[in-house]
Amino acid sequence: MPTIRVEMFEGRTPEQKREFVKAVTEAACKTLGTKPESVDVILTDIRKSDWATGGVFWSEKT
């Protein structure tokens, strides 16, 4: 039973998330040979002010 955790910037619509979860689940099933009901996908929305790359918050990048 794979559990797939995805961290991403907030702002996606429920429909975008729904499509993404469906695509990730289908890819896991195809690749790992598992059934959809055994795939868990956990989405975590993160504010750009809480994520930094190279010492700079994404909220401060232009």
C-alpha atoms as a PDB file:
ATOM      1  CA  MET A   1       0.000   0.000   0.000  1.00  0.00           C
ATOM      2  CA  PRO A   2       1.913   3.088  -1.144  1.00  0.00           C
ATOM      3  CA  THR A   3       1.427   6.404   0.582  1.00  0.00           C
ATOM      4  CA  ILE A   4       2.451   9.335  -1.592  1.00  0.00           C
ATOM      5  CA  ARG A   5       3.035  12.672   0.125  1.00  0.00           C
ATOM      6  CA  VAL A   6       3.108  15.837  -1.968  1.00  0.00           C
ATOM      7  CA  GLU A   7       4.056  19.266  -0.684  1.00  0.00           C
ATOM      8  CA  MET A   8       3.214  22.188  -2.943  1.00  0.00           C
ATOM      9  CA  PHE A   9       2.445  25.874  -2.853  1.00  0.00           C
ATOM     10  CA  GLU A  10      -1.111  26.708  -1.926  1.00  0.00           C
ATOM     11  CA  GLY A  11      -3.447  28.100  -4.547  1.00  0.00           C
ATOM     12  CA  ARG A  12      -4.499  25.108  -6.608  1.00  0.00           C
ATOM     13  CA  THR A  13      -8.202  24.639  -7.155  1.00  0.00           C
ATOM     14  CA  PRO A  14     -10.035  21.583  -5.851  1.00  0.00           C
ATOM     15  CA  GLU A  15     -10.422  20.429  -9.469  1.00  0.00           C
ATOM     16  CA  GLN A  16      -6.657  20.679 -10.102  1.00  0.00           C
ATOM     17  CA  LYS A  17      -5.993  18.669  -6.958  1.00  0.00           C
ATOM     18  CA  ARG A  18      -8.609  16.092  -7.938  1.00  0.00           C
ATOM     19  CA  GLU A  19      -7.027  15.623 -11.379  1.00  0.00           C
ATOM     20  CA  PHE A  20      -3.534  15.454  -9.879  1.00  0.00           C
ATOM     21  CA  VAL A  21      -4.523  12.841  -7.289  1.00  0.00           C
ATOM     22  CA  LYS A  22      -6.207  10.759  -9.992  1.00  0.00           C
ATOM     23  CA  ALA A  23      -3.127  10.921 -12.241  1.00  0.00           C
ATOM     24  CA  VAL A  24      -0.731  10.062  -9.409  1.00  0.00           C
ATOM     25  CA  THR A  25      -2.922   7.144  -8.342  1.00  0.00           C
ATOM     26  CA  GLU A  26      -3.092   5.811 -11.902  1.00  0.00           C
ATOM     27  CA  ALA A  27       0.693   6.105 -12.278  1.00  0.00           C
ATOM     28  CA  ALA A  28       1.263   4.263  -9.005  1.00  0.00           C
ATOM     29  CA  CYS A  29      -1.084   1.473 -10.036  1.00  0.00           C
ATOM     30  CA  LYS A  30       0.526   1.090 -13.454  1.00  0.00           C
ATOM     31  CA  THR A  31       4.082   1.220 -12.149  1.00  0.00           C
ATOM     32  CA  LEU A  32       3.692  -0.731  -8.910  1.00  0.00           C
ATOM     33  CA  GLY A  33       0.968  -3.139  -9.953  1.00  0.00           C
ATOM     34  CA  THR A  34      -1.352  -2.169  -7.127  1.00  0.00           C
ATOM     35  CA  LYS A  35      -5.060  -1.377  -6.932  1.00  0.00           C
ATOM     36  CA  PRO A  36      -6.364   2.212  -6.673  1.00  0.00           C
ATOM     37  CA  GLU A  37      -8.007   1.556  -3.311  1.00  0.00           C
ATOM     38  CA  SER A  38      -4.605   0.778  -1.797  1.00  0.00           C
ATOM     39  CA  VAL A  39      -2.989   4.070  -2.874  1.00  0.00           C
ATOM     40  CA  ASP A  40      -3.052   6.979  -0.433  1.00  0.00           C
ATOM     41  CA  VAL A  41      -2.144  10.489  -1.608  1.00  0.00           C
ATOM     42  CA  ILE A  42      -1.615  13.178   1.025  1.00  0.00           C
ATOM     43  CA  LEU A  43      -1.459  16.771  -0.210  1.00  0.00           C
ATOM     44  CA  THR A  44       0.050  19.492   1.931  1.00  0.00           C
ATOM     45  CA  ASP A  45      -0.427  23.121   0.902  1.00  0.00           C
ATOM     46  CA  ILE A  46       2.412  25.391   1.957  1.00  0.00           C
ATOM     47  CA  ARG A  47       2.406  29.185   1.879  1.00  0.00           C
ATOM     48  CA  LYS A  48       5.224  30.751  -0.131  1.00  0.00           C
ATOM     49  CA  SER A  49       6.199  32.620   3.025  1.00  0.00           C
ATOM     50  CA  ASP A  50       6.918  29.239   4.677  1.00  0.00           C
ATOM     51  CA  TRP A  51       9.157  27.828   1.907  1.00  0.00           C
ATOM     52  CA  ALA A  52      12.660  29.008   1.097  1.00  0.00           C
ATOM     53  CA  THR A  53      15.168  27.913  -1.517  1.00  0.00           C
ATOM     54  CA  GLY A  54      18.739  29.130  -1.472  1.00  0.00           C
ATOM     55  CA  GLY A  55      18.065  31.146   1.654  1.00  0.00           C
ATOM     56  CA  VAL A  56      15.272  33.189   0.055  1.00  0.00           C
ATOM     57  CA  PHE A  57      11.574  32.795   0.764  1.00  0.00           C
ATOM     58  CA  TRP A  58       9.476  32.175  -2.324  1.00  0.00           C
ATOM     59  CA  SER A  59       7.190  35.001  -1.225  1.00  0.00           C
ATOM     60  CA  GLU A  60      10.131  37.399  -1.651  1.00  0.00           C
ATOM     61  CA  LYS A  61      11.128  36.255  -5.151  1.00  0.00           C
ATOM     62  CA  THR A  62      10.057  38.337  -8.112  1.00  0.00           C
END
